[in-house]
Amino acid sequence: MPETAPLDPALDRRIVIIGSSGAGKTTLARQLSGRLNAAMFDLDELHWGPDWTPKPRDEFVGALQQAATGEVWTASGNYQSVRELLWSRATTLIWLDYRFATVFSRLFVRSVRRLLHREVLWQGNRESWRATFSSRQSILWWLLTTYHRRRREYRQLQRSDAYPHLRWIVLHTPAEAERLLAATPLRGQSDPERTGTPNNEIPSYRHGLR
């Protein structure tokens, strides 16, 4: 059965946002953390060291364990190596299941913006023109080679009994994500203007697939 209720701050206390590279996971996690008065952490930031060198696994796992000990947080990222650790602590999973064209265009624009503005990312890292457009390590190439495989994987996980405690919310367009964010009440507050919101103004969140 579809769900039409927004996030419940009393129940949706530890949220993991997943999806393809460039879908907007970290942005949505940061926005939700503000509304829910929750801590926020990004797996990329925990994983990467200086010069795009992955941190040792023990260091990565230790940082994640520390970040996930809290009772209220939002997290963004897809790392399979720490999925069990993170998902077992989570209460809610939000999957940004956007069309390939949507994700690719978002990722392309984000990459060009970072390059033009020389944006500093985690641990002082920056994206480079060469790595982005003429390397097999390109984030664009990564999306091309992982998009369909990751969708199949998440669909299988959603259908399975691997994480029965999780509430799955599947968003198919950026507009649905925006409506979810707008419909989420501030933690500890009740917004009377949202009482009785017509169902056609709130996206349909499903345990099943569509």
N, C-alpha and C. Protein backbone atom coordinates (compact mmCIF):
# COMPACT_ATOMS: atom_id res chain seq x y z
N MET A 1 0.84 -1.19 0.00
CA MET A 1 0.00 0.00 0.00
C MET A 1 0.88 1.25 0.00
N PRO A 2 0.53 2.28 -0.78
CA PRO A 2 1.32 3.50 -0.77
C PRO A 2 1.15 4.27 0.52
N GLU A 3 2.21 4.98 0.90
CA GLU A 3 2.13 5.88 2.03
C GLU A 3 1.97 7.30 1.52
N THR A 4 1.17 8.10 2.22
CA THR A 4 0.99 9.49 1.81
C THR A 4 1.41 10.45 2.91
N ALA A 5 1.87 9.93 4.06
CA ALA A 5 2.28 10.80 5.15
C ALA A 5 3.70 11.28 4.94
N PRO A 6 4.03 12.48 5.37
CA PRO A 6 5.41 12.95 5.31
C PRO A 6 6.26 12.23 6.36
N LEU A 7 7.52 12.57 6.42
CA LEU A 7 8.38 12.01 7.45
C LEU A 7 7.84 12.35 8.83
N ASP A 8 7.91 11.40 9.73
CA ASP A 8 7.47 11.58 11.11
C ASP A 8 8.70 11.75 11.98
N PRO A 9 8.93 12.94 12.55
CA PRO A 9 10.14 13.16 13.34
C PRO A 9 10.26 12.21 14.53
N ALA A 10 9.14 11.68 15.01
CA ALA A 10 9.19 10.76 16.16
C ALA A 10 9.63 9.37 15.75
N LEU A 11 9.39 9.00 14.49
CA LEU A 11 9.70 7.64 14.03
C LEU A 11 10.89 7.60 13.08
N ASP A 12 10.98 8.56 12.19
CA ASP A 12 12.06 8.59 11.21
C ASP A 12 13.25 9.34 11.80
N ARG A 13 13.95 8.66 12.69
CA ARG A 13 14.98 9.33 13.49
C ARG A 13 16.39 9.20 12.90
N ARG A 14 16.62 8.12 12.18
CA ARG A 14 17.95 7.90 11.59
C ARG A 14 17.74 7.53 10.12
N ILE A 15 18.05 8.47 9.25
CA ILE A 15 17.68 8.38 7.84
C ILE A 15 18.93 8.25 6.98
N VAL A 16 18.94 7.26 6.10
CA VAL A 16 20.01 7.10 5.12
C VAL A 16 19.45 7.42 3.73
N ILE A 17 20.13 8.27 2.99
CA ILE A 17 19.70 8.63 1.64
C ILE A 17 20.66 8.00 0.65
N ILE A 18 20.09 7.21 -0.27
CA ILE A 18 20.89 6.49 -1.26
C ILE A 18 20.45 6.90 -2.66
N GLY A 19 21.25 6.53 -3.66
CA GLY A 19 20.94 6.85 -5.04
C GLY A 19 22.21 6.99 -5.84
N SER A 20 22.07 7.16 -7.13
CA SER A 20 23.22 7.27 -8.01
C SER A 20 24.02 8.54 -7.73
N SER A 21 25.27 8.52 -8.15
CA SER A 21 26.12 9.71 -8.00
C SER A 21 25.48 10.89 -8.71
N GLY A 22 25.41 12.02 -8.02
CA GLY A 22 24.85 13.22 -8.61
C GLY A 22 23.36 13.39 -8.43
N ALA A 23 22.68 12.42 -7.80
CA ALA A 23 21.23 12.52 -7.64
C ALA A 23 20.83 13.63 -6.67
N GLY A 24 21.70 13.97 -5.75
CA GLY A 24 21.37 14.99 -4.76
C GLY A 24 21.23 14.44 -3.36
N LYS A 25 21.90 13.34 -3.06
CA LYS A 25 21.78 12.69 -1.76
C LYS A 25 22.22 13.60 -0.63
N THR A 26 23.40 14.18 -0.78
CA THR A 26 23.96 14.99 0.30
C THR A 26 23.14 16.26 0.50
N THR A 27 22.69 16.86 -0.59
CA THR A 27 21.87 18.07 -0.48
C THR A 27 20.59 17.79 0.28
N LEU A 28 19.90 16.71 -0.06
CA LEU A 28 18.66 16.38 0.63
C LEU A 28 18.93 16.02 2.08
N ALA A 29 20.00 15.29 2.34
CA ALA A 29 20.34 14.94 3.73
C ALA A 29 20.57 16.18 4.56
N ARG A 30 21.27 17.14 3.98
CA ARG A 30 21.54 18.39 4.71
C ARG A 30 20.24 19.17 4.96
N GLN A 31 19.37 19.21 3.96
CA GLN A 31 18.10 19.93 4.12
C GLN A 31 17.21 19.26 5.16
N LEU A 32 17.13 17.94 5.13
CA LEU A 32 16.31 17.23 6.11
C LEU A 32 16.89 17.36 7.51
N SER A 33 18.20 17.35 7.62
CA SER A 33 18.80 17.48 8.96
C SER A 33 18.44 18.83 9.58
N GLY A 34 18.32 19.86 8.74
CA GLY A 34 17.91 21.16 9.27
C GLY A 34 16.48 21.14 9.77
N ARG A 35 15.59 20.51 9.04
CA ARG A 35 14.18 20.46 9.46
C ARG A 35 13.99 19.55 10.67
N LEU A 36 14.78 18.49 10.73
CA LEU A 36 14.60 17.52 11.81
C LEU A 36 15.52 17.77 13.00
N ASN A 37 16.30 18.85 12.93
CA ASN A 37 17.23 19.17 14.00
C ASN A 37 18.14 17.98 14.28
N ALA A 38 18.67 17.41 13.21
CA ALA A 38 19.45 16.18 13.31
C ALA A 38 20.89 16.41 12.86
N ALA A 39 21.79 15.60 13.38
CA ALA A 39 23.16 15.59 12.88
C ALA A 39 23.16 15.07 11.44
N MET A 40 24.17 15.42 10.68
CA MET A 40 24.25 14.96 9.29
C MET A 40 25.68 14.56 8.98
N PHE A 41 25.86 13.43 8.29
CA PHE A 41 27.19 13.05 7.84
C PHE A 41 27.11 12.42 6.46
N ASP A 42 28.20 12.59 5.72
CA ASP A 42 28.31 12.13 4.34
C ASP A 42 29.39 11.06 4.28
N LEU A 43 29.07 9.90 3.71
CA LEU A 43 30.03 8.81 3.66
C LEU A 43 31.26 9.17 2.84
N ASP A 44 31.11 9.97 1.79
CA ASP A 44 32.27 10.39 1.02
C ASP A 44 33.27 11.14 1.90
N GLU A 45 32.77 12.01 2.73
CA GLU A 45 33.65 12.78 3.60
C GLU A 45 34.38 11.88 4.60
N LEU A 46 33.70 10.84 5.07
CA LEU A 46 34.33 9.91 6.00
C LEU A 46 35.32 8.97 5.30
N HIS A 47 35.09 8.72 4.01
CA HIS A 47 35.88 7.73 3.27
C HIS A 47 37.17 8.29 2.69
N TRP A 48 37.11 9.52 2.15
CA TRP A 48 38.26 10.04 1.41
C TRP A 48 39.24 10.78 2.31
N GLY A 49 40.55 10.52 2.04
CA GLY A 49 41.61 11.29 2.64
C GLY A 49 42.15 12.30 1.65
N PRO A 50 43.24 12.99 1.97
CA PRO A 50 43.84 13.95 1.04
C PRO A 50 44.28 13.27 -0.25
N ASP A 51 44.30 14.05 -1.34
CA ASP A 51 44.74 13.58 -2.66
C ASP A 51 43.91 12.41 -3.15
N TRP A 52 42.63 12.40 -2.81
CA TRP A 52 41.71 11.36 -3.25
C TRP A 52 42.20 9.95 -2.89
N THR A 53 42.83 9.86 -1.74
CA THR A 53 43.29 8.57 -1.24
C THR A 53 42.29 8.03 -0.23
N PRO A 54 41.75 6.84 -0.47
CA PRO A 54 40.80 6.29 0.51
C PRO A 54 41.47 6.09 1.87
N LYS A 55 40.74 6.39 2.92
CA LYS A 55 41.26 6.15 4.25
C LYS A 55 41.35 4.64 4.51
N PRO A 56 42.23 4.21 5.38
CA PRO A 56 42.25 2.78 5.74
C PRO A 56 40.87 2.35 6.23
N ARG A 57 40.52 1.10 5.94
CA ARG A 57 39.17 0.63 6.28
C ARG A 57 38.86 0.81 7.76
N ASP A 58 39.80 0.49 8.62
CA ASP A 58 39.55 0.60 10.05
C ASP A 58 39.22 2.04 10.44
N GLU A 59 39.91 2.98 9.82
CA GLU A 59 39.65 4.39 10.11
C GLU A 59 38.28 4.80 9.60
N PHE A 60 37.94 4.36 8.39
CA PHE A 60 36.63 4.67 7.81
C PHE A 60 35.52 4.09 8.67
N VAL A 61 35.63 2.82 9.03
CA VAL A 61 34.60 2.18 9.85
C VAL A 61 34.50 2.84 11.22
N GLY A 62 35.63 3.17 11.81
CA GLY A 62 35.61 3.82 13.12
C GLY A 62 34.92 5.18 13.08
N ALA A 63 35.20 5.96 12.01
CA ALA A 63 34.55 7.26 11.88
C ALA A 63 33.05 7.11 11.70
N LEU A 64 32.64 6.11 10.92
CA LEU A 64 31.21 5.88 10.71
C LEU A 64 30.54 5.41 11.99
N GLN A 65 31.17 4.51 12.72
CA GLN A 65 30.59 4.05 13.98
C GLN A 65 30.36 5.21 14.94
N GLN A 66 31.32 6.11 15.00
CA GLN A 66 31.18 7.27 15.88
C GLN A 66 30.04 8.17 15.42
N ALA A 67 29.96 8.40 14.11
CA ALA A 67 28.91 9.28 13.58
C ALA A 67 27.52 8.69 13.78
N ALA A 68 27.41 7.36 13.69
CA ALA A 68 26.10 6.71 13.73
C ALA A 68 25.66 6.33 15.13
N THR A 69 26.42 6.70 16.16
CA THR A 69 26.01 6.34 17.52
C THR A 69 24.86 7.19 18.03
N GLY A 70 24.67 8.36 17.45
CA GLY A 70 23.60 9.25 17.90
C GLY A 70 22.23 8.67 17.64
N GLU A 71 21.23 9.24 18.27
CA GLU A 71 19.86 8.77 18.14
C GLU A 71 19.11 9.45 17.00
N VAL A 72 19.60 10.60 16.55
CA VAL A 72 18.91 11.34 15.49
C VAL A 72 19.95 11.84 14.50
N TRP A 73 19.87 11.35 13.25
CA TRP A 73 20.81 11.81 12.24
C TRP A 73 20.28 11.52 10.84
N THR A 74 20.89 12.18 9.86
CA THR A 74 20.68 11.86 8.45
C THR A 74 22.05 11.59 7.84
N ALA A 75 22.10 10.64 6.92
CA ALA A 75 23.36 10.26 6.28
C ALA A 75 23.14 10.11 4.79
N SER A 76 24.19 10.34 4.02
CA SER A 76 24.10 10.17 2.57
C SER A 76 25.26 9.30 2.10
N GLY A 77 24.96 8.36 1.19
CA GLY A 77 26.03 7.55 0.62
C GLY A 77 25.63 6.13 0.36
N ASN A 78 26.43 5.45 -0.49
CA ASN A 78 26.08 4.13 -1.01
C ASN A 78 27.08 3.04 -0.68
N TYR A 79 28.05 3.27 0.16
CA TYR A 79 29.17 2.35 0.30
C TYR A 79 28.72 0.97 0.79
N GLN A 80 28.86 -0.01 -0.10
CA GLN A 80 28.43 -1.37 0.22
C GLN A 80 29.25 -1.96 1.36
N SER A 81 30.50 -1.55 1.48
CA SER A 81 31.39 -2.12 2.49
C SER A 81 30.94 -1.83 3.91
N VAL A 82 30.14 -0.78 4.10
CA VAL A 82 29.67 -0.44 5.45
C VAL A 82 28.14 -0.44 5.52
N ARG A 83 27.51 -1.06 4.53
CA ARG A 83 26.04 -1.06 4.48
C ARG A 83 25.44 -1.69 5.73
N GLU A 84 25.94 -2.84 6.12
CA GLU A 84 25.38 -3.54 7.27
C GLU A 84 25.47 -2.68 8.53
N LEU A 85 26.60 -2.05 8.73
CA LEU A 85 26.79 -1.20 9.90
C LEU A 85 25.81 -0.03 9.90
N LEU A 86 25.67 0.62 8.75
CA LEU A 86 24.84 1.83 8.69
C LEU A 86 23.36 1.50 8.65
N TRP A 87 22.96 0.58 7.79
CA TRP A 87 21.54 0.29 7.64
C TRP A 87 20.96 -0.39 8.87
N SER A 88 21.76 -1.14 9.59
CA SER A 88 21.24 -1.78 10.80
C SER A 88 20.92 -0.76 11.88
N ARG A 89 21.54 0.41 11.83
CA ARG A 89 21.27 1.48 12.79
C ARG A 89 20.15 2.40 12.33
N ALA A 90 19.88 2.41 11.02
CA ALA A 90 18.91 3.36 10.46
C ALA A 90 17.48 2.92 10.75
N THR A 91 16.59 3.89 10.70
CA THR A 91 15.15 3.62 10.79
C THR A 91 14.46 3.78 9.44
N THR A 92 15.06 4.60 8.57
CA THR A 92 14.39 4.99 7.32
C THR A 92 15.42 5.08 6.20
N LEU A 93 15.02 4.60 5.03
CA LEU A 93 15.88 4.66 3.86
C LEU A 93 15.14 5.45 2.78
N ILE A 94 15.75 6.51 2.28
CA ILE A 94 15.18 7.28 1.19
C ILE A 94 16.03 7.02 -0.05
N TRP A 95 15.39 6.43 -1.07
CA TRP A 95 16.10 6.10 -2.31
C TRP A 95 15.69 7.11 -3.39
N LEU A 96 16.67 7.86 -3.88
CA LEU A 96 16.45 8.79 -4.98
C LEU A 96 16.58 8.01 -6.28
N ASP A 97 15.49 7.43 -6.70
CA ASP A 97 15.46 6.55 -7.87
C ASP A 97 15.08 7.36 -9.11
N TYR A 98 15.97 8.25 -9.51
CA TYR A 98 15.68 9.16 -10.62
C TYR A 98 16.08 8.52 -11.96
N ARG A 99 15.49 9.02 -13.04
CA ARG A 99 15.85 8.58 -14.38
C ARG A 99 17.31 8.91 -14.67
N PHE A 100 17.91 8.11 -15.56
CA PHE A 100 19.32 8.31 -15.88
C PHE A 100 19.57 9.72 -16.41
N ALA A 101 18.71 10.20 -17.30
CA ALA A 101 18.92 11.53 -17.89
C ALA A 101 18.94 12.60 -16.81
N THR A 102 18.07 12.46 -15.82
CA THR A 102 18.02 13.43 -14.73
C THR A 102 19.31 13.42 -13.93
N VAL A 103 19.76 12.22 -13.57
CA VAL A 103 20.96 12.10 -12.76
C VAL A 103 22.20 12.55 -13.53
N PHE A 104 22.31 12.14 -14.80
CA PHE A 104 23.49 12.51 -15.58
C PHE A 104 23.59 14.02 -15.74
N SER A 105 22.47 14.67 -16.05
CA SER A 105 22.51 16.12 -16.25
C SER A 105 22.87 16.84 -14.95
N ARG A 106 22.34 16.35 -13.83
CA ARG A 106 22.69 16.95 -12.54
C ARG A 106 24.17 16.78 -12.23
N LEU A 107 24.67 15.57 -12.49
CA LEU A 107 26.08 15.30 -12.19
C LEU A 107 26.99 16.13 -13.10
N PHE A 108 26.63 16.26 -14.37
CA PHE A 108 27.44 17.04 -15.30
C PHE A 108 27.51 18.50 -14.86
N VAL A 109 26.36 19.07 -14.53
CA VAL A 109 26.32 20.48 -14.10
C VAL A 109 27.12 20.65 -12.81
N ARG A 110 26.96 19.73 -11.87
CA ARG A 110 27.69 19.82 -10.61
C ARG A 110 29.20 19.76 -10.84
N SER A 111 29.63 18.85 -11.72
CA SER A 111 31.06 18.70 -11.98
C SER A 111 31.64 19.96 -12.61
N VAL A 112 30.94 20.52 -13.59
CA VAL A 112 31.43 21.74 -14.24
C VAL A 112 31.48 22.89 -13.24
N ARG A 113 30.47 23.00 -12.40
CA ARG A 113 30.48 24.06 -11.38
C ARG A 113 31.67 23.92 -10.44
N ARG A 114 31.92 22.71 -9.99
CA ARG A 114 33.05 22.49 -9.09
C ARG A 114 34.37 22.82 -9.77
N LEU A 115 34.49 22.47 -11.05
CA LEU A 115 35.71 22.75 -11.77
C LEU A 115 35.92 24.24 -11.99
N LEU A 116 34.88 24.93 -12.42
CA LEU A 116 35.00 26.36 -12.70
C LEU A 116 35.30 27.16 -11.44
N HIS A 117 34.71 26.77 -10.34
CA HIS A 117 34.88 27.52 -9.09
C HIS A 117 35.97 26.95 -8.19
N ARG A 118 36.61 25.89 -8.67
CA ARG A 118 37.68 25.26 -7.89
C ARG A 118 37.22 24.95 -6.47
N GLU A 119 36.05 24.37 -6.38
CA GLU A 119 35.47 24.08 -5.07
C GLU A 119 36.33 23.08 -4.31
N VAL A 120 36.53 23.37 -3.06
CA VAL A 120 37.29 22.47 -2.19
C VAL A 120 36.31 21.49 -1.55
N LEU A 121 36.60 20.21 -1.71
CA LEU A 121 35.74 19.16 -1.16
C LEU A 121 36.39 18.61 0.11
N TRP A 122 36.13 17.35 0.40
CA TRP A 122 36.61 16.76 1.65
C TRP A 122 38.12 16.69 1.66
N GLN A 123 38.69 17.00 2.83
CA GLN A 123 40.14 16.90 3.08
C GLN A 123 40.95 17.69 2.07
N GLY A 124 40.38 18.78 1.55
CA GLY A 124 41.10 19.63 0.62
C GLY A 124 41.11 19.15 -0.82
N ASN A 125 40.38 18.10 -1.13
CA ASN A 125 40.36 17.57 -2.50
C ASN A 125 39.58 18.49 -3.44
N ARG A 126 40.00 18.49 -4.69
CA ARG A 126 39.29 19.19 -5.76
C ARG A 126 39.14 18.25 -6.95
N GLU A 127 38.05 18.42 -7.70
CA GLU A 127 37.92 17.70 -8.95
C GLU A 127 38.80 18.36 -10.01
N SER A 128 39.25 17.57 -10.99
CA SER A 128 40.10 18.10 -12.06
C SER A 128 39.44 17.84 -13.41
N TRP A 129 39.78 18.69 -14.38
CA TRP A 129 39.22 18.52 -15.72
C TRP A 129 39.62 17.17 -16.31
N ARG A 130 40.87 16.79 -16.13
CA ARG A 130 41.34 15.54 -16.70
C ARG A 130 40.62 14.35 -16.08
N ALA A 131 40.54 14.33 -14.76
CA ALA A 131 39.91 13.19 -14.10
C ALA A 131 38.42 13.13 -14.42
N THR A 132 37.81 14.27 -14.65
CA THR A 132 36.37 14.30 -14.89
C THR A 132 36.00 13.90 -16.32
N PHE A 133 36.82 14.30 -17.30
CA PHE A 133 36.41 14.11 -18.69
C PHE A 133 37.31 13.19 -19.51
N SER A 134 38.47 12.80 -19.01
CA SER A 134 39.35 11.97 -19.85
C SER A 134 40.03 10.87 -19.06
N SER A 135 39.30 10.30 -18.12
CA SER A 135 39.87 9.25 -17.29
C SER A 135 38.82 8.21 -16.97
N ARG A 136 39.25 6.96 -16.82
CA ARG A 136 38.34 5.91 -16.40
C ARG A 136 37.95 6.08 -14.93
N GLN A 137 38.60 6.99 -14.22
CA GLN A 137 38.23 7.32 -12.85
C GLN A 137 37.21 8.45 -12.79
N SER A 138 36.76 8.90 -13.95
CA SER A 138 35.79 9.98 -14.03
C SER A 138 34.51 9.64 -13.29
N ILE A 139 33.96 10.60 -12.56
CA ILE A 139 32.69 10.39 -11.88
C ILE A 139 31.57 10.19 -12.88
N LEU A 140 31.70 10.77 -14.08
CA LEU A 140 30.69 10.57 -15.12
C LEU A 140 30.75 9.13 -15.65
N TRP A 141 31.96 8.63 -15.84
CA TRP A 141 32.12 7.24 -16.26
C TRP A 141 31.61 6.30 -15.18
N TRP A 142 31.87 6.64 -13.92
CA TRP A 142 31.38 5.84 -12.80
C TRP A 142 29.86 5.73 -12.84
N LEU A 143 29.19 6.83 -13.10
CA LEU A 143 27.73 6.80 -13.20
C LEU A 143 27.29 5.90 -14.35
N LEU A 144 27.94 6.03 -15.51
CA LEU A 144 27.57 5.22 -16.66
C LEU A 144 27.69 3.72 -16.37
N THR A 145 28.68 3.34 -15.60
CA THR A 145 28.94 1.92 -15.37
C THR A 145 28.23 1.35 -14.14
N THR A 146 27.67 2.21 -13.32
CA THR A 146 27.04 1.70 -12.08
C THR A 146 25.53 1.96 -11.99
N TYR A 147 24.99 2.84 -12.84
CA TYR A 147 23.61 3.27 -12.68
C TYR A 147 22.63 2.09 -12.69
N HIS A 148 22.65 1.28 -13.74
CA HIS A 148 21.67 0.20 -13.87
C HIS A 148 21.93 -0.91 -12.86
N ARG A 149 23.19 -1.21 -12.61
CA ARG A 149 23.51 -2.25 -11.63
C ARG A 149 23.02 -1.85 -10.24
N ARG A 150 23.21 -0.59 -9.89
CA ARG A 150 22.79 -0.14 -8.56
C ARG A 150 21.27 -0.14 -8.43
N ARG A 151 20.57 0.22 -9.48
CA ARG A 151 19.10 0.17 -9.42
C ARG A 151 18.62 -1.25 -9.20
N ARG A 152 19.21 -2.20 -9.94
CA ARG A 152 18.82 -3.60 -9.75
C ARG A 152 19.12 -4.06 -8.33
N GLU A 153 20.26 -3.67 -7.81
CA GLU A 153 20.65 -4.07 -6.47
C GLU A 153 19.68 -3.54 -5.42
N TYR A 154 19.31 -2.27 -5.54
CA TYR A 154 18.41 -1.68 -4.54
C TYR A 154 17.01 -2.28 -4.65
N ARG A 155 16.58 -2.58 -5.84
CA ARG A 155 15.27 -3.22 -5.99
C ARG A 155 15.25 -4.59 -5.34
N GLN A 156 16.33 -5.33 -5.50
CA GLN A 156 16.43 -6.63 -4.86
C GLN A 156 16.45 -6.51 -3.34
N LEU A 157 17.18 -5.55 -2.84
CA LEU A 157 17.23 -5.34 -1.40
C LEU A 157 15.88 -4.92 -0.85
N GLN A 158 15.17 -4.10 -1.61
CA GLN A 158 13.86 -3.63 -1.17
C GLN A 158 12.87 -4.78 -1.08
N ARG A 159 12.97 -5.72 -2.01
CA ARG A 159 12.06 -6.86 -2.02
C ARG A 159 12.43 -7.92 -0.99
N SER A 160 13.69 -7.90 -0.56
CA SER A 160 14.18 -8.95 0.31
C SER A 160 13.80 -8.67 1.77
N ASP A 161 14.13 -9.63 2.61
CA ASP A 161 13.91 -9.49 4.05
C ASP A 161 15.20 -9.16 4.78
N ALA A 162 16.17 -8.63 4.06
CA ALA A 162 17.48 -8.39 4.65
C ALA A 162 17.43 -7.33 5.76
N TYR A 163 16.60 -6.32 5.58
CA TYR A 163 16.50 -5.22 6.55
C TYR A 163 15.02 -4.94 6.83
N PRO A 164 14.34 -5.85 7.50
CA PRO A 164 12.88 -5.71 7.66
C PRO A 164 12.47 -4.53 8.53
N HIS A 165 13.39 -4.01 9.32
CA HIS A 165 13.04 -2.89 10.20
C HIS A 165 12.99 -1.56 9.47
N LEU A 166 13.55 -1.50 8.26
CA LEU A 166 13.66 -0.22 7.56
C LEU A 166 12.34 0.17 6.89
N ARG A 167 12.03 1.44 6.97
CA ARG A 167 10.96 2.02 6.17
C ARG A 167 11.58 2.56 4.90
N TRP A 168 11.18 2.04 3.75
CA TRP A 168 11.69 2.49 2.46
C TRP A 168 10.79 3.60 1.90
N ILE A 169 11.43 4.67 1.47
CA ILE A 169 10.74 5.74 0.76
C ILE A 169 11.44 5.91 -0.58
N VAL A 170 10.71 5.71 -1.66
CA VAL A 170 11.30 5.78 -2.99
C VAL A 170 10.78 7.03 -3.70
N LEU A 171 11.70 7.91 -4.06
CA LEU A 171 11.35 9.14 -4.76
C LEU A 171 11.85 9.04 -6.20
N HIS A 172 10.96 9.36 -7.15
CA HIS A 172 11.27 9.15 -8.55
C HIS A 172 11.63 10.43 -9.30
N THR A 173 11.42 11.58 -8.70
CA THR A 173 11.74 12.85 -9.35
C THR A 173 12.22 13.84 -8.30
N PRO A 174 13.03 14.83 -8.70
CA PRO A 174 13.41 15.88 -7.76
C PRO A 174 12.21 16.62 -7.18
N ALA A 175 11.12 16.73 -7.94
CA ALA A 175 9.92 17.40 -7.43
C ALA A 175 9.34 16.64 -6.25
N GLU A 176 9.37 15.32 -6.30
CA GLU A 176 8.89 14.53 -5.17
C GLU A 176 9.76 14.77 -3.94
N ALA A 177 11.06 14.89 -4.14
CA ALA A 177 11.95 15.17 -3.01
C ALA A 177 11.64 16.54 -2.41
N GLU A 178 11.37 17.51 -3.25
CA GLU A 178 11.03 18.84 -2.76
C GLU A 178 9.73 18.82 -1.96
N ARG A 179 8.75 18.04 -2.44
CA ARG A 179 7.48 17.97 -1.71
C ARG A 179 7.64 17.23 -0.38
N LEU A 180 8.47 16.21 -0.38
CA LEU A 180 8.76 15.52 0.88
C LEU A 180 9.38 16.46 1.89
N LEU A 181 10.35 17.23 1.44
CA LEU A 181 11.02 18.18 2.33
C LEU A 181 10.03 19.21 2.85
N ALA A 182 9.21 19.76 1.97
CA ALA A 182 8.25 20.79 2.38
C ALA A 182 7.20 20.24 3.34
N ALA A 183 6.87 18.95 3.20
CA ALA A 183 5.83 18.36 4.04
C ALA A 183 6.35 17.84 5.36
N THR A 184 7.67 17.84 5.54
CA THR A 184 8.26 17.33 6.77
C THR A 184 8.21 18.40 7.85
N PRO A 185 7.52 18.14 8.96
CA PRO A 185 7.43 19.15 10.02
C PRO A 185 8.75 19.30 10.75
N LEU A 186 8.96 20.46 11.33
CA LEU A 186 10.13 20.67 12.16
C LEU A 186 10.04 19.75 13.38
N ARG A 187 11.15 19.17 13.77
CA ARG A 187 11.13 18.25 14.89
C ARG A 187 10.66 18.95 16.16
N GLY A 188 9.68 18.33 16.82
CA GLY A 188 9.16 18.88 18.06
C GLY A 188 8.11 19.94 17.87
N GLN A 189 7.72 20.21 16.58
CA GLN A 189 6.72 21.23 16.30
C GLN A 189 5.62 20.63 15.44
N SER A 190 4.43 21.13 15.58
CA SER A 190 3.31 20.73 14.74
C SER A 190 2.91 21.90 13.88
N ASP A 191 2.83 21.68 12.61
CA ASP A 191 2.48 22.75 11.68
C ASP A 191 1.01 22.63 11.31
N PRO A 192 0.15 23.47 11.89
CA PRO A 192 -1.28 23.34 11.64
C PRO A 192 -1.65 23.55 10.18
N GLU A 193 -0.81 24.27 9.44
CA GLU A 193 -1.14 24.50 8.04
C GLU A 193 -1.04 23.24 7.21
N ARG A 194 -0.31 22.22 7.72
CA ARG A 194 -0.17 20.97 6.98
C ARG A 194 -1.24 19.96 7.34
N THR A 195 -2.03 20.25 8.37
CA THR A 195 -3.07 19.32 8.76
C THR A 195 -4.11 19.25 7.66
N GLY A 196 -4.41 18.01 7.22
CA GLY A 196 -5.42 17.84 6.19
C GLY A 196 -4.92 18.17 4.79
N THR A 197 -3.57 18.12 4.59
CA THR A 197 -3.03 18.38 3.25
C THR A 197 -3.58 17.38 2.26
N PRO A 198 -4.14 17.81 1.14
CA PRO A 198 -4.67 16.87 0.16
C PRO A 198 -3.60 15.88 -0.28
N ASN A 199 -3.99 14.63 -0.47
CA ASN A 199 -3.04 13.60 -0.85
C ASN A 199 -2.36 13.88 -2.17
N ASN A 200 -3.02 14.59 -3.09
CA ASN A 200 -2.39 14.82 -4.38
C ASN A 200 -1.30 15.88 -4.32
N GLU A 201 -1.09 16.50 -3.14
CA GLU A 201 -0.02 17.47 -2.99
C GLU A 201 1.23 16.84 -2.36
N ILE A 202 1.11 15.60 -1.92
CA ILE A 202 2.23 14.91 -1.30
C ILE A 202 2.54 13.69 -2.13
N PRO A 203 3.83 13.42 -2.45
CA PRO A 203 4.16 12.28 -3.28
C PRO A 203 3.81 10.97 -2.60
N SER A 204 3.68 9.93 -3.41
CA SER A 204 3.35 8.62 -2.90
C SER A 204 4.63 7.88 -2.55
N TYR A 205 4.79 7.50 -1.29
CA TYR A 205 5.99 6.80 -0.83
C TYR A 205 5.61 5.33 -0.65
N ARG A 206 6.40 4.45 -1.25
CA ARG A 206 5.99 3.06 -1.33
C ARG A 206 7.00 2.14 -0.65
N HIS A 207 6.46 1.09 -0.01
CA HIS A 207 7.31 -0.02 0.36
C HIS A 207 7.59 -0.87 -0.87
N GLY A 208 6.65 -0.90 -1.81
CA GLY A 208 6.84 -1.63 -3.06
C GLY A 208 7.40 -0.74 -4.14
N LEU A 209 7.51 -1.28 -5.33
CA LEU A 209 8.09 -0.53 -6.44
C LEU A 209 7.01 -0.07 -7.38
N ARG A 210 7.32 0.92 -8.16
CA ARG A 210 6.40 1.33 -9.23
C ARG A 210 7.19 1.61 -10.48
